[in-house]
Amino acid sequence: MTEVKTLNETVREKWKKRPLIISGPCSAETEEQVIETATRLVKTGKVDVLRAGIWKPRTKPGMFEGVGVKALPWMLQAKKITGLPVTVEVATAKHVEDALQFDVDILWIGARTTVNPFSVQEVCDALRGVEIPVLIKNPIHPEIDLWSGGIERLQKVGVKQVGMIHRGFSNYGNTEYRNAPMWHLPIEMKRRFPEMLLLCDPSHICGNRTMLQSVAQKSIDLDFDGLMIETHIDPDNAWSDAKQQITPERLAEMLNDLVWRSENSNEKEFLTALATLREQINHIDDELLTLIGQRMKIADKIGAYKKSNNITILQTNRWNDILTKALKKGEALGLSKEFITKYFDAVHLESINHQNKIMND
């Protein structure tokens, strides 16, 4: 039975702070490393919560999987010295019990756990009746129903302070990022849970130091509520994820260079101009939908002709011609190849569905 933990006022205030900055090493390695990292982070005046990996779920056996429960006293000592609340990742009921025993202030559920509803439920059951904030990362693969399902499981056992961490998604063929950001997915989660804390984890999205600032800035521009960034006193010699960690001092420089924006403004001129432009977009969207509807009516007629002449729905050469012309024209209009491909794939699939319905009616 997990002992009830009361949410202290310091943690409550930190949870409400915007932007909320969480930082610390990927893995707790030694007591000296944890305490020095915390001390240097607090000197920057930029960090609200200290993080460190205690238990590390790794892809293959033999990789460094964290030092385990013996690192929890180090986190507690770092908190006593610096005053920073601390957070660790949990994946089992035993992790939860150990973390609470050592006065961990915030817990987070990692991507490899979020993907398994049984594991999430085990953590949730251990948190029943416990008043502690819990962050939940997106699952490894782009299945946001698993993400929202994890949130709902936490809420059902009475966890009141729930937040989300976007750390990107594993994507076959992706070479630019360690985990592709797929920004439309956290945007959808923000739509589903508009009042919920949403943090970005650029470290795991990038997998390197060079892109951290640009990805962090993109998340801020998309109205994320804060960042979780990995820092280390000697990044190149870190025991895990060395390439994506930065020093506490570099973190401070990066945070100073970021442009923090607000979601709203009360400036009358701005609001008037924005309302006008949005109304223009509304009209264009209406026209686009009308045109797509007309396109589908023509596709229906084509389907009827194909049916009467016993011709297949898919005409590969025709589709290749359409896509080639669209990509060329889209580029001239300043539209990305990725967008044009996704848009025409969606339109093509809808046309196929229309024709399939006619062919088999």
Protein backbone atom coordinates (compact mmCIF):
# COMPACT_ATOMS: atom_id res chain seq x y z
CA MET A 1 0.00 0.00 0.00
CA THR A 2 1.54 3.32 -1.10
CA GLU A 3 1.77 5.95 1.60
CA VAL A 4 -0.25 9.09 0.87
CA LYS A 5 2.02 11.96 -0.15
CA THR A 6 0.86 15.56 0.27
CA LEU A 7 1.73 18.00 -2.50
CA ASN A 8 3.86 20.75 -0.94
CA GLU A 9 3.43 24.40 -1.82
CA THR A 10 6.80 24.75 -3.60
CA VAL A 11 5.96 21.95 -6.03
CA ARG A 12 2.46 23.34 -6.51
CA GLU A 13 3.92 26.73 -7.47
CA LYS A 14 6.49 25.19 -9.81
CA TRP A 15 3.77 23.14 -11.54
CA LYS A 16 1.86 26.34 -12.36
CA LYS A 17 4.94 28.26 -13.59
CA ARG A 18 5.18 29.13 -17.29
CA PRO A 19 7.56 28.38 -18.82
CA LEU A 20 8.42 25.38 -16.67
CA ILE A 21 12.02 24.24 -17.16
CA ILE A 22 13.12 20.74 -16.11
CA SER A 23 16.74 19.73 -16.54
CA GLY A 24 19.41 17.33 -15.36
CA PRO A 25 21.39 14.33 -16.55
CA CYS A 26 19.98 11.56 -18.71
CA SER A 27 21.22 9.17 -16.02
CA ALA A 28 22.27 9.56 -12.43
CA GLU A 29 25.80 8.11 -12.48
CA THR A 30 27.41 9.07 -9.17
CA GLU A 31 26.43 11.13 -6.15
CA GLU A 32 29.05 13.74 -7.03
CA GLN A 33 27.76 14.02 -10.60
CA VAL A 34 24.14 14.50 -9.49
CA ILE A 35 24.95 17.09 -6.85
CA GLU A 36 27.36 19.06 -9.04
CA THR A 37 24.83 19.11 -11.89
CA ALA A 38 22.12 20.36 -9.53
CA THR A 39 24.44 22.99 -8.02
CA ARG A 40 25.46 24.34 -11.43
CA LEU A 41 21.85 24.31 -12.65
CA VAL A 42 20.57 26.29 -9.69
CA LYS A 43 23.34 28.88 -10.22
CA THR A 44 21.92 29.64 -13.66
CA GLY A 45 18.63 30.74 -12.11
CA LYS A 46 16.84 29.19 -15.10
CA VAL A 47 15.80 25.73 -13.92
CA ASP A 48 12.71 24.85 -11.86
CA VAL A 49 13.02 21.07 -11.42
CA LEU A 50 15.97 18.65 -11.38
CA ARG A 51 15.56 15.45 -13.40
CA ALA A 52 17.68 12.30 -13.64
CA GLY A 53 17.16 8.80 -14.96
CA ILE A 54 17.34 6.21 -12.17
CA TRP A 55 15.95 3.20 -14.00
CA LYS A 56 16.74 3.25 -17.73
CA PRO A 57 14.69 1.01 -20.07
CA ARG A 58 17.12 0.22 -22.90
CA THR A 59 16.72 -1.43 -26.27
CA LYS A 60 19.24 -4.23 -25.74
CA PRO A 61 20.58 -6.11 -22.71
CA GLY A 62 24.06 -5.12 -21.65
CA MET A 63 23.47 -1.40 -22.18
CA PHE A 64 23.63 0.87 -19.12
CA GLU A 65 20.22 0.59 -17.45
CA GLY A 66 20.73 3.05 -14.60
CA VAL A 67 22.11 2.58 -11.12
CA GLY A 68 18.66 2.00 -9.66
CA VAL A 69 17.33 2.78 -6.22
CA LYS A 70 20.73 3.65 -4.76
CA ALA A 71 20.61 6.93 -6.74
CA LEU A 72 17.46 8.12 -4.97
CA PRO A 73 19.35 9.33 -1.85
CA TRP A 74 21.58 11.33 -4.21
CA MET A 75 18.51 13.08 -5.62
CA LEU A 76 17.22 13.75 -2.11
CA GLN A 77 20.58 15.23 -1.11
CA ALA A 78 20.68 17.40 -4.25
CA LYS A 79 17.23 18.73 -3.36
CA LYS A 80 18.32 19.57 0.18
CA ILE A 81 21.40 21.43 -1.07
CA THR A 82 19.79 23.37 -3.94
CA GLY A 83 16.11 23.58 -3.05
CA LEU A 84 15.18 22.23 -6.50
CA PRO A 85 12.26 19.78 -6.58
CA VAL A 86 13.24 16.48 -8.21
CA THR A 87 11.65 14.19 -10.76
CA VAL A 88 12.44 10.65 -11.95
CA GLU A 89 10.98 8.20 -14.44
CA VAL A 90 8.93 5.27 -13.14
CA ALA A 91 7.83 2.16 -15.01
CA THR A 92 6.61 -0.22 -12.28
CA ALA A 93 4.73 -0.12 -8.99
CA LYS A 94 8.01 -0.78 -7.14
CA HIS A 95 9.59 2.25 -8.83
CA VAL A 96 6.70 4.38 -7.60
CA GLU A 97 7.02 3.10 -4.04
CA ASP A 98 10.79 3.63 -3.96
CA ALA A 99 10.52 7.14 -5.43
CA LEU A 100 7.89 8.18 -2.91
CA GLN A 101 9.94 6.75 -0.05
CA PHE A 102 12.77 9.13 -0.99
CA ASP A 103 10.49 12.16 -1.32
CA VAL A 104 10.61 12.53 -5.11
CA ASP A 105 8.36 15.49 -5.98
CA ILE A 106 7.24 14.72 -9.54
CA LEU A 107 7.13 11.45 -11.47
CA TRP A 108 7.19 10.87 -15.19
CA ILE A 109 6.14 7.87 -17.28
CA GLY A 110 8.49 7.19 -20.19
CA ALA A 111 7.70 6.49 -23.84
CA ARG A 112 8.50 2.78 -23.56
CA THR A 113 6.00 2.46 -20.72
CA THR A 114 3.25 4.59 -22.28
CA VAL A 115 3.12 2.17 -25.20
CA ASN A 116 1.94 -0.64 -22.86
CA PRO A 117 -1.45 -0.08 -21.17
CA PHE A 118 -0.76 -2.88 -18.66
CA SER A 119 2.40 -1.10 -17.48
CA VAL A 120 0.66 2.27 -17.31
CA GLN A 121 -2.16 0.73 -15.29
CA GLU A 122 0.33 -0.83 -12.87
CA VAL A 123 1.88 2.58 -12.24
CA CYS A 124 -1.57 4.14 -11.92
CA ASP A 125 -2.69 1.57 -9.36
CA ALA A 126 0.41 2.33 -7.28
CA LEU A 127 -0.52 6.04 -7.42
CA ARG A 128 -4.11 5.59 -6.28
CA GLY A 129 -4.73 8.04 -3.45
CA VAL A 130 -1.31 9.71 -3.85
CA GLU A 131 -1.19 13.46 -4.38
CA ILE A 132 1.79 13.94 -6.68
CA PRO A 133 2.17 15.49 -10.16
CA VAL A 134 2.77 12.99 -12.96
CA LEU A 135 4.08 13.71 -16.45
CA ILE A 136 3.51 11.20 -19.24
CA LYS A 137 5.59 11.03 -22.41
CA ASN A 138 4.14 10.16 -25.78
CA PRO A 139 4.46 6.49 -26.77
CA ILE A 140 7.40 5.55 -28.99
CA HIS A 141 5.22 5.13 -32.07
CA PRO A 142 2.69 7.73 -33.31
CA GLU A 143 -0.41 6.30 -31.62
CA ILE A 144 -1.83 9.20 -29.66
CA ASP A 145 -4.79 7.22 -28.36
CA LEU A 146 -2.24 5.36 -26.21
CA TRP A 147 -0.99 8.76 -25.00
CA SER A 148 -4.46 10.06 -24.18
CA GLY A 149 -5.37 6.65 -22.75
CA GLY A 150 -2.48 6.91 -20.30
CA ILE A 151 -3.70 10.34 -19.22
CA GLU A 152 -7.21 9.00 -18.68
CA ARG A 153 -5.87 6.08 -16.61
CA LEU A 154 -4.01 8.52 -14.35
CA GLN A 155 -7.08 10.69 -13.96
CA LYS A 156 -9.28 7.70 -13.13
CA VAL A 157 -7.13 6.78 -10.12
CA GLY A 158 -7.36 10.34 -8.84
CA VAL A 159 -4.10 11.94 -10.03
CA LYS A 160 -5.05 15.61 -10.35
CA GLN A 161 -1.82 17.15 -11.64
CA VAL A 162 -1.18 15.42 -14.97
CA GLY A 163 1.08 16.81 -17.68
CA MET A 164 2.34 15.71 -21.10
CA ILE A 165 5.86 15.51 -22.50
CA HIS A 166 6.40 15.46 -26.25
CA ARG A 167 9.65 13.60 -27.01
CA GLY A 168 9.05 12.71 -30.65
CA PHE A 169 8.13 9.45 -32.36
CA SER A 170 10.12 6.57 -33.80
CA ASN A 171 9.69 6.74 -37.56
CA TYR A 172 11.12 4.27 -40.09
CA GLY A 173 13.34 6.02 -42.61
CA ASN A 174 13.74 9.15 -40.48
CA THR A 175 17.31 10.44 -40.63
CA GLU A 176 17.07 14.07 -39.52
CA TYR A 177 15.89 13.45 -35.97
CA ARG A 178 16.45 10.74 -33.41
CA ASN A 179 12.67 10.80 -32.95
CA ALA A 180 10.59 12.68 -35.52
CA PRO A 181 8.65 15.53 -33.87
CA MET A 182 5.44 15.05 -35.90
CA TRP A 183 4.18 18.34 -34.46
CA HIS A 184 0.57 17.73 -35.54
CA LEU A 185 0.28 14.99 -32.89
CA PRO A 186 1.11 17.08 -29.79
CA ILE A 187 -1.05 19.83 -31.31
CA GLU A 188 -3.93 17.34 -31.40
CA MET A 189 -3.21 16.40 -27.77
CA LYS A 190 -3.32 20.09 -26.85
CA ARG A 191 -6.70 20.29 -28.54
CA ARG A 192 -7.96 17.31 -26.55
CA PHE A 193 -6.52 18.56 -23.25
CA PRO A 194 -6.38 22.37 -23.65
CA GLU A 195 -5.74 23.16 -19.97
CA MET A 196 -3.09 20.48 -19.43
CA LEU A 197 0.63 21.22 -19.06
CA LEU A 198 2.53 20.34 -22.24
CA LEU A 199 6.34 20.21 -22.23
CA CYS A 200 8.76 19.54 -25.08
CA ASP A 201 11.77 17.24 -24.71
CA PRO A 202 14.12 18.47 -27.49
CA SER A 203 16.92 16.20 -26.26
CA HIS A 204 15.14 13.01 -27.34
CA ILE A 205 13.67 14.56 -30.48
CA CYS A 206 17.09 15.70 -31.71
CA GLY A 207 19.49 13.07 -30.41
CA ASN A 208 22.21 15.71 -30.81
CA ARG A 209 23.18 19.11 -29.40
CA THR A 210 23.19 21.09 -32.61
CA MET A 211 19.43 21.08 -33.20
CA LEU A 212 18.30 21.58 -29.60
CA GLN A 213 17.73 25.32 -29.83
CA SER A 214 15.75 25.25 -33.09
CA VAL A 215 13.46 22.45 -31.87
CA ALA A 216 12.98 24.17 -28.50
CA GLN A 217 12.08 27.41 -30.29
CA LYS A 218 9.60 25.59 -32.54
CA SER A 219 7.84 24.15 -29.48
CA ILE A 220 7.65 27.61 -27.88
CA ASP A 221 6.19 29.05 -31.08
CA LEU A 222 3.54 26.30 -30.90
CA ASP A 223 2.59 27.44 -27.37
CA PHE A 224 4.17 24.62 -25.37
CA ASP A 225 4.35 25.35 -21.66
CA GLY A 226 8.02 24.54 -21.07
CA LEU A 227 10.98 22.29 -21.74
CA MET A 228 12.68 19.17 -20.40
CA ILE A 229 16.34 19.24 -21.49
CA GLU A 230 19.17 16.91 -20.52
CA THR A 231 22.29 18.47 -18.99
CA HIS A 232 25.53 16.92 -17.75
CA ILE A 233 28.69 18.26 -16.15
CA ASP A 234 30.79 16.43 -18.77
CA PRO A 235 28.45 15.60 -21.68
CA ASP A 236 30.97 13.85 -23.90
CA ASN A 237 31.68 11.30 -21.18
CA ALA A 238 28.08 10.69 -20.09
CA TRP A 239 27.17 7.05 -19.51
CA SER A 240 24.07 7.36 -21.70
CA ASP A 241 22.90 9.66 -24.50
CA ALA A 242 26.14 11.64 -24.51
CA LYS A 243 25.54 13.30 -27.89
CA GLN A 244 22.32 15.04 -26.86
CA GLN A 245 23.36 16.44 -23.48
CA ILE A 246 24.75 19.91 -22.81
CA THR A 247 26.36 21.60 -19.81
CA PRO A 248 24.23 23.61 -17.37
CA GLU A 249 25.97 26.77 -18.54
CA ARG A 250 25.19 26.06 -22.20
CA LEU A 251 21.59 25.44 -21.20
CA ALA A 252 21.43 28.91 -19.64
CA GLU A 253 22.82 30.47 -22.84
CA MET A 254 20.30 28.61 -24.95
CA LEU A 255 17.36 29.62 -22.76
CA ASN A 256 18.50 33.26 -22.90
CA ASP A 257 18.51 33.13 -26.70
CA LEU A 258 15.02 31.66 -27.02
CA VAL A 259 12.16 34.01 -27.88
CA TRP A 260 9.29 33.38 -25.51
CA ARG A 261 5.89 34.21 -26.94
CA SER A 262 2.38 34.49 -25.54
CA GLU A 263 -0.77 32.94 -26.96
CA ASN A 264 -2.89 36.10 -26.80
CA SER A 265 -2.63 39.87 -26.99
CA ASN A 266 -5.01 42.65 -25.94
CA GLU A 267 -3.65 45.11 -28.52
CA LYS A 268 -6.66 46.35 -30.51
CA GLU A 269 -4.76 46.78 -33.79
CA PHE A 270 -3.36 43.25 -33.56
CA LEU A 271 -6.75 41.71 -32.75
CA THR A 272 -8.45 43.55 -35.62
CA ALA A 273 -5.81 42.53 -38.15
CA LEU A 274 -5.84 38.92 -36.93
CA ALA A 275 -9.63 38.72 -37.11
CA THR A 276 -9.57 40.01 -40.70
CA LEU A 277 -6.93 37.50 -41.81
CA ARG A 278 -8.68 34.62 -40.06
CA GLU A 279 -11.93 35.51 -41.79
CA GLN A 280 -10.10 35.36 -45.11
CA ILE A 281 -8.81 31.89 -44.20
CA ASN A 282 -12.34 30.80 -43.26
CA HIS A 283 -13.61 31.82 -46.72
CA ILE A 284 -10.73 30.07 -48.49
CA ASP A 285 -11.31 26.91 -46.40
CA ASP A 286 -14.98 26.95 -47.42
CA GLU A 287 -13.97 27.28 -51.07
CA LEU A 288 -11.44 24.45 -50.76
CA LEU A 289 -14.03 22.11 -49.27
CA THR A 290 -16.53 23.02 -51.98
CA LEU A 291 -13.94 22.33 -54.70
CA ILE A 292 -12.94 19.01 -53.12
CA GLY A 293 -16.60 18.04 -52.96
CA GLN A 294 -16.94 18.85 -56.67
CA ARG A 295 -13.81 16.81 -57.40
CA MET A 296 -15.34 13.80 -55.68
CA LYS A 297 -18.53 14.10 -57.75
CA ILE A 298 -16.38 13.88 -60.88
CA ALA A 299 -14.55 10.89 -59.35
CA ASP A 300 -17.98 9.27 -58.86
CA LYS A 301 -18.72 9.69 -62.58
CA ILE A 302 -15.32 8.22 -63.46
CA GLY A 303 -16.09 5.28 -61.16
CA ALA A 304 -19.36 4.66 -62.99
CA TYR A 305 -17.59 4.63 -66.39
CA LYS A 306 -14.91 2.26 -65.07
CA LYS A 307 -17.60 -0.06 -63.73
CA SER A 308 -19.50 -0.20 -67.00
CA ASN A 309 -16.27 -0.88 -68.89
CA ASN A 310 -14.86 -3.32 -66.32
CA ILE A 311 -11.72 -1.20 -65.65
CA THR A 312 -9.74 -1.19 -62.39
CA ILE A 313 -10.03 1.73 -60.01
CA LEU A 314 -6.30 2.34 -59.66
CA GLN A 315 -4.56 3.77 -62.72
CA THR A 316 -0.92 3.97 -61.67
CA ASN A 317 0.41 5.99 -64.61
CA ARG A 318 -2.37 8.55 -64.26
CA TRP A 319 -1.66 8.91 -60.53
CA ASN A 320 2.07 9.34 -61.11
CA ASP A 321 1.39 12.10 -63.65
CA ILE A 322 -0.92 13.93 -61.22
CA LEU A 323 1.59 13.75 -58.38
CA THR A 324 4.55 14.85 -60.53
CA LYS A 325 2.67 17.91 -61.81
CA ALA A 326 1.40 18.74 -58.32
CA LEU A 327 4.88 18.60 -56.79
CA LYS A 328 6.26 20.90 -59.48
CA LYS A 329 3.46 23.42 -59.13
CA GLY A 330 3.47 23.19 -55.34
CA GLU A 331 7.17 23.99 -55.24
CA ALA A 332 6.56 27.10 -57.37
CA LEU A 333 3.87 28.17 -54.89
CA GLY A 334 6.15 27.74 -51.87
CA LEU A 335 4.53 24.49 -50.68
CA SER A 336 6.71 21.71 -49.29
CA LYS A 337 7.04 18.37 -51.03
CA GLU A 338 5.94 16.66 -47.80
CA PHE A 339 2.71 18.66 -47.66
CA ILE A 340 1.85 18.14 -51.33
CA THR A 341 2.48 14.40 -51.06
CA LYS A 342 0.33 14.03 -47.93
CA TYR A 343 -2.45 16.21 -49.33
CA PHE A 344 -2.70 14.44 -52.68
CA ASP A 345 -2.39 11.02 -51.02
CA ALA A 346 -5.42 11.91 -48.88
CA VAL A 347 -7.41 13.23 -51.86
CA HIS A 348 -6.46 10.19 -53.93
CA LEU A 349 -7.51 7.77 -51.19
CA GLU A 350 -10.86 9.56 -50.81
CA SER A 351 -11.38 9.31 -54.60
CA ILE A 352 -10.59 5.59 -54.48
CA ASN A 353 -13.09 5.11 -51.65
CA HIS A 354 -15.77 6.93 -53.67
CA GLN A 355 -15.10 4.86 -56.75
CA ASN A 356 -14.92 1.62 -54.77
CA LYS A 357 -18.35 2.32 -53.33
CA ILE A 358 -19.78 2.81 -56.83
CA MET A 359 -17.94 -0.19 -58.30
CA ASN A 360 -19.25 -2.54 -55.62
CA ASP A 361 -22.68 -1.07 -55.00
